[in-house]
Structure formats: structure tokens, C-alpha cells
Amino acid sequence: MLIGSLAILVLAGFVGFAVISKVPNTLHTPLMSGTNAIHGIVLLGGLIVLGLGADGVLNKVLLVIAIAFGTINVVGGFLVTDRMLAMFKGKKTEKEDAK
């Protein structure tokens, strides 16, 4: 069972890399928004499971690690999306700054 699960994890990693590497730059921001929504749901699920009382210390440790990584991913995704959207905004001129 463990070997099968590890094989699925490795294959999913390869497929994910292959799919994401072929995404054009113009679609990156919408994809990032969708990924943030998915990771937000994962983060919420982890918090709910942790709050309902996960059995065992190992499960609690893994949940805390998953919540930390999910939080980092969501925050980083929003920062990257914000930075990309800022690139599409025009630069302000001195007249606009004076207003």
C-alpha cells in the first residue's frame, strides 16, 4: 500500500510539473487565483480536522505542518498575483502623482 501511494505521489508530481510548465504567462494569474482558492479549502479542512481532535501525536504534527505549508502557499500566491497584476498597471506620471 505504501509503495503504491508513493508511486501515485511521484507520478502526480511529474504530471503537475509537465502541465504547469506548459502554461503561458498570460494564464498564470488566473491559475494562481484558482490555486489559492484550492489551498484555502485545504487549509480550512486541516484546521477543522485539527479542531475536531485528530487521534495521535503524529497526525497532529502532520496537520500542523500541512497547515503551515498551506498558509505559506496561500500568502505567497497572493503576493505573486499582486506583483504580477502590478506589472500590468501603467506607470504613474508626475502629473498624476501631484493630484
C-alpha atoms as a PDB file:
ATOM      1  CA  MET A   1       0.000   0.000   0.000  1.00  0.00           C
ATOM      2  CA  LEU A   2       2.816   2.415   0.862  1.00  0.00           C
ATOM      3  CA  ILE A   3       4.677   1.756  -2.395  1.00  0.00           C
ATOM      4  CA  GLY A   4       1.500   2.300  -4.412  1.00  0.00           C
ATOM      5  CA  SER A   5       0.827   5.587  -2.621  1.00  0.00           C
ATOM      6  CA  LEU A   6       4.403   6.755  -3.173  1.00  0.00           C
ATOM      7  CA  ALA A   7       4.160   5.819  -6.863  1.00  0.00           C
ATOM      8  CA  ILE A   8       0.982   7.896  -7.197  1.00  0.00           C
ATOM      9  CA  LEU A   9       2.670  10.820  -5.432  1.00  0.00           C
ATOM     10  CA  VAL A  10       5.698  10.702  -7.747  1.00  0.00           C
ATOM     11  CA  LEU A  11       3.545  10.369 -10.872  1.00  0.00           C
ATOM     12  CA  ALA A  12       1.330  13.246  -9.737  1.00  0.00           C
ATOM     13  CA  GLY A  13       4.439  15.369  -9.270  1.00  0.00           C
ATOM     14  CA  PHE A  14       5.659  14.610 -12.792  1.00  0.00           C
ATOM     15  CA  VAL A  15       2.245  15.262 -14.327  1.00  0.00           C
ATOM     16  CA  GLY A  16       1.858  18.500 -12.364  1.00  0.00           C
ATOM     17  CA  PHE A  17       5.264  19.712 -13.491  1.00  0.00           C
ATOM     18  CA  ALA A  18       4.530  18.819 -17.109  1.00  0.00           C
ATOM     19  CA  VAL A  19       1.178  20.613 -17.061  1.00  0.00           C
ATOM     20  CA  ILE A  20       2.316  23.756 -15.248  1.00  0.00           C
ATOM     21  CA  SER A  21       5.463  24.173 -17.346  1.00  0.00           C
ATOM     22  CA  LYS A  22       3.327  24.468 -20.490  1.00  0.00           C
ATOM     23  CA  VAL A  23       1.082  27.250 -19.148  1.00  0.00           C
ATOM     24  CA  PRO A  24       1.581  30.574 -20.953  1.00  0.00           C
ATOM     25  CA  ASN A  25       2.427  33.640 -18.884  1.00  0.00           C
ATOM     26  CA  THR A  26      -0.925  35.294 -19.596  1.00  0.00           C
ATOM     27  CA  LEU A  27      -2.769  32.472 -17.834  1.00  0.00           C
ATOM     28  CA  HIS A  28      -0.551  32.458 -14.762  1.00  0.00           C
ATOM     29  CA  THR A  29      -2.615  34.957 -12.744  1.00  0.00           C
ATOM     30  CA  PRO A  30      -5.978  33.179 -13.187  1.00  0.00           C
ATOM     31  CA  LEU A  31      -4.326  29.849 -12.400  1.00  0.00           C
ATOM     32  CA  MET A  32      -2.744  31.335  -9.295  1.00  0.00           C
ATOM     33  CA  SER A  33      -6.135  32.585  -8.115  1.00  0.00           C
ATOM     34  CA  GLY A  34      -7.646  29.136  -8.587  1.00  0.00           C
ATOM     35  CA  THR A  35      -4.740  27.509  -6.779  1.00  0.00           C
ATOM     36  CA  ASN A  36      -5.122  29.948  -3.889  1.00  0.00           C
ATOM     37  CA  ALA A  37      -8.794  29.024  -3.596  1.00  0.00           C
ATOM     38  CA  ILE A  38      -7.983  25.307  -3.557  1.00  0.00           C
ATOM     39  CA  HIS A  39      -5.247  25.734  -0.956  1.00  0.00           C
ATOM     40  CA  GLY A  40      -7.569  27.893   1.121  1.00  0.00           C
ATOM     41  CA  ILE A  41     -10.031  24.995   1.210  1.00  0.00           C
ATOM     42  CA  VAL A  42      -7.231  22.584   2.143  1.00  0.00           C
ATOM     43  CA  LEU A  43      -6.128  24.962   4.883  1.00  0.00           C
ATOM     44  CA  LEU A  44      -9.657  25.230   6.243  1.00  0.00           C
ATOM     45  CA  GLY A  45     -10.048  21.443   6.166  1.00  0.00           C
ATOM     46  CA  GLY A  46      -6.814  20.998   8.096  1.00  0.00           C
ATOM     47  CA  LEU A  47      -7.942  23.471  10.733  1.00  0.00           C
ATOM     48  CA  ILE A  48     -11.300  21.718  11.086  1.00  0.00           C
ATOM     49  CA  VAL A  49      -9.714  18.278  11.439  1.00  0.00           C
ATOM     50  CA  LEU A  50      -7.210  19.617  13.966  1.00  0.00           C
ATOM     51  CA  GLY A  51     -10.007  21.313  15.916  1.00  0.00           C
ATOM     52  CA  LEU A  52     -12.196  18.209  15.976  1.00  0.00           C
ATOM     53  CA  GLY A  53      -9.415  16.270  17.633  1.00  0.00           C
ATOM     54  CA  ALA A  54      -7.123  14.238  15.448  1.00  0.00           C
ATOM     55  CA  ASP A  55      -6.014  10.948  17.005  1.00  0.00           C
ATOM     56  CA  GLY A  56      -2.350  10.560  17.788  1.00  0.00           C
ATOM     57  CA  VAL A  57       0.583  12.897  18.071  1.00  0.00           C
ATOM     58  CA  LEU A  58       1.911  12.088  14.589  1.00  0.00           C
ATOM     59  CA  ASN A  59      -1.406  13.060  12.991  1.00  0.00           C
ATOM     60  CA  LYS A  60      -1.429  16.361  14.875  1.00  0.00           C
ATOM     61  CA  VAL A  61       2.152  17.129  13.885  1.00  0.00           C
ATOM     62  CA  LEU A  62       1.428  16.350  10.229  1.00  0.00           C
ATOM     63  CA  LEU A  63      -1.692  18.534  10.347  1.00  0.00           C
ATOM     64  CA  VAL A  64       0.252  21.454  11.808  1.00  0.00           C
ATOM     65  CA  ILE A  65       2.924  21.060   9.123  1.00  0.00           C
ATOM     66  CA  ALA A  66       0.257  20.885   6.402  1.00  0.00           C
ATOM     67  CA  ILE A  67      -1.471  23.979   7.791  1.00  0.00           C
ATOM     68  CA  ALA A  68       1.840  25.871   7.901  1.00  0.00           C
ATOM     69  CA  PHE A  69       2.743  24.911   4.318  1.00  0.00           C
ATOM     70  CA  GLY A  70      -0.786  25.700   3.132  1.00  0.00           C
ATOM     71  CA  THR A  71      -0.632  29.121   4.766  1.00  0.00           C
ATOM     72  CA  ILE A  72       2.747  29.856   3.199  1.00  0.00           C
ATOM     73  CA  ASN A  73       1.414  28.771  -0.184  1.00  0.00           C
ATOM     74  CA  VAL A  74      -1.744  30.891   0.018  1.00  0.00           C
ATOM     75  CA  VAL A  75       0.085  34.015   1.212  1.00  0.00           C
ATOM     76  CA  GLY A  76       2.867  33.564  -1.332  1.00  0.00           C
ATOM     77  CA  GLY A  77       0.322  33.018  -4.088  1.00  0.00           C
ATOM     78  CA  PHE A  78      -1.477  36.235  -3.258  1.00  0.00           C
ATOM     79  CA  LEU A  79       1.819  38.138  -3.144  1.00  0.00           C
ATOM     80  CA  VAL A  80       2.889  36.776  -6.527  1.00  0.00           C
ATOM     81  CA  THR A  81      -0.536  37.507  -8.035  1.00  0.00           C
ATOM     82  CA  ASP A  82      -0.470  41.054  -6.667  1.00  0.00           C
ATOM     83  CA  ARG A  83       3.008  41.604  -8.051  1.00  0.00           C
ATOM     84  CA  MET A  84       2.011  40.281 -11.468  1.00  0.00           C
ATOM     85  CA  LEU A  85      -1.082  42.473 -11.580  1.00  0.00           C
ATOM     86  CA  ALA A  86       1.044  45.477 -10.629  1.00  0.00           C
ATOM     87  CA  MET A  87       3.180  44.830 -13.709  1.00  0.00           C
ATOM     88  CA  PHE A  88       0.133  45.397 -15.927  1.00  0.00           C
ATOM     89  CA  LYS A  89      -0.696  48.759 -14.376  1.00  0.00           C
ATOM     90  CA  GLY A  90       0.716  51.745 -16.182  1.00  0.00           C
ATOM     91  CA  LYS A  91       3.412  53.790 -14.534  1.00  0.00           C
ATOM     92  CA  LYS A  92       2.124  56.989 -12.972  1.00  0.00           C
ATOM     93  CA  THR A  93       3.329  60.253 -14.384  1.00  0.00           C
ATOM     94  CA  GLU A  94       4.364  63.206 -12.268  1.00  0.00           C
ATOM     95  CA  LYS A  95       1.061  64.965 -13.026  1.00  0.00           C
ATOM     96  CA  GLU A  96      -0.937  62.037 -11.644  1.00  0.00           C
ATOM     97  CA  ASP A  97       1.226  61.933  -8.518  1.00  0.00           C
ATOM     98  CA  ALA A  98       0.531  65.610  -7.855  1.00  0.00           C
ATOM     99  CA  LYS A  99      -3.244  65.079  -7.817  1.00  0.00           C
END
